[in-house]
Protein backbone atom coordinates (compact mmCIF):
# COMPACT_ATOMS: atom_id res chain seq x y z
CA MET A 1 94.36 102.24 110.42
CA VAL A 2 96.74 99.78 111.46
CA ASP A 3 98.41 98.61 107.91
CA ALA A 4 96.50 100.40 105.35
CA THR A 5 96.45 97.33 103.02
CA GLY A 6 93.28 95.69 104.35
CA MET A 7 95.12 92.78 105.78
CA CYS A 8 94.69 93.24 109.62
CA GLY A 9 90.71 93.76 109.21
CA ALA A 10 91.00 96.69 111.83
CA CYS A 11 88.97 99.22 109.45
CA MET A 12 86.60 96.63 108.15
CA VAL A 13 82.87 97.82 107.63
CA PRO A 14 80.26 95.67 106.86
CA VAL A 15 78.03 96.83 103.98
CA ASN A 16 74.83 95.73 101.97
CA ILE A 17 75.13 95.51 98.25
CA ASP A 18 72.00 94.20 96.19
CA GLY A 19 71.01 92.31 99.42
CA LYS A 20 74.33 90.78 100.30
CA MET A 21 76.66 91.50 103.31
CA VAL A 22 79.99 92.68 101.67
CA ARG A 23 83.11 93.58 103.76
CA LYS A 24 84.56 96.83 102.87
CA HIS A 25 87.77 98.18 104.20
CA ALA A 26 88.07 102.00 105.03
CA CYS A 27 91.87 101.89 104.03
CA ILE A 28 91.05 100.32 100.63
CA ASP A 29 87.80 101.37 99.94
CA GLY A 30 87.24 104.60 101.67
CA PRO A 31 87.99 106.56 103.60
CA GLU A 32 84.39 107.54 102.29
CA LEU A 33 81.76 104.79 102.14
CA ASP A 34 77.92 105.57 101.34
CA ALA A 35 76.27 105.49 104.98
CA HIS A 36 73.26 104.40 103.36
CA ILE A 37 74.58 100.84 102.74
CA ILE A 38 76.37 100.25 105.97
CA ASP A 39 75.07 97.64 108.07
CA TRP A 40 75.05 99.61 111.21
CA ASP A 41 73.70 96.66 113.49
CA LYS A 42 76.63 94.93 112.87
CA PHE A 43 79.07 97.77 112.69
CA LEU A 44 78.46 99.99 115.66
CA PRO A 45 79.04 97.15 118.38
CA ARG A 46 82.29 96.47 116.93
CA PHE A 47 83.22 100.27 116.80
CA LEU A 48 82.26 101.02 120.15
CA GLN A 49 84.04 97.65 121.47
CA PHE A 50 86.60 99.96 123.43
CA ARG A 51 84.77 102.86 124.18
CA LYS A 52 85.24 102.29 127.83
CA GLN A 53 89.04 102.17 127.52
CA GLU A 54 88.87 104.98 125.06
CA ASP A 55 87.15 107.16 127.53
CA GLU A 56 89.39 106.29 130.53
CA SER A 57 92.49 107.11 128.24
CA LYS A 58 91.24 110.51 127.72
CA VAL A 59 90.47 111.22 131.03
CA ARG A 60 94.29 110.07 131.80
CA HIS A 61 95.59 112.30 129.27
CA GLY A 62 93.63 115.20 130.26
CA PHE A 63 91.18 115.36 126.98
CA ASN A 64 87.85 114.98 128.84
C-alpha cells in the first residue's frame, strides 16, 4: 500500500453490492474483503498489470 488512506487508489478493489459496482480500498476497508463480492473480471487485469516486470525483478534479485 502506498499511502494507507485510500487517496492513491493503488489498492482499489471493485466489488458488487446489491447489484452495484462499488470501489473498496484494501487499506481502509480491508485488508480482508469477502471474495464472493469481488468483481474478479475487473480486478484481475489490474492486479496482473505488472506481472512481467515483477517476474523479471524476482529473477534479477534471485527470488526465482
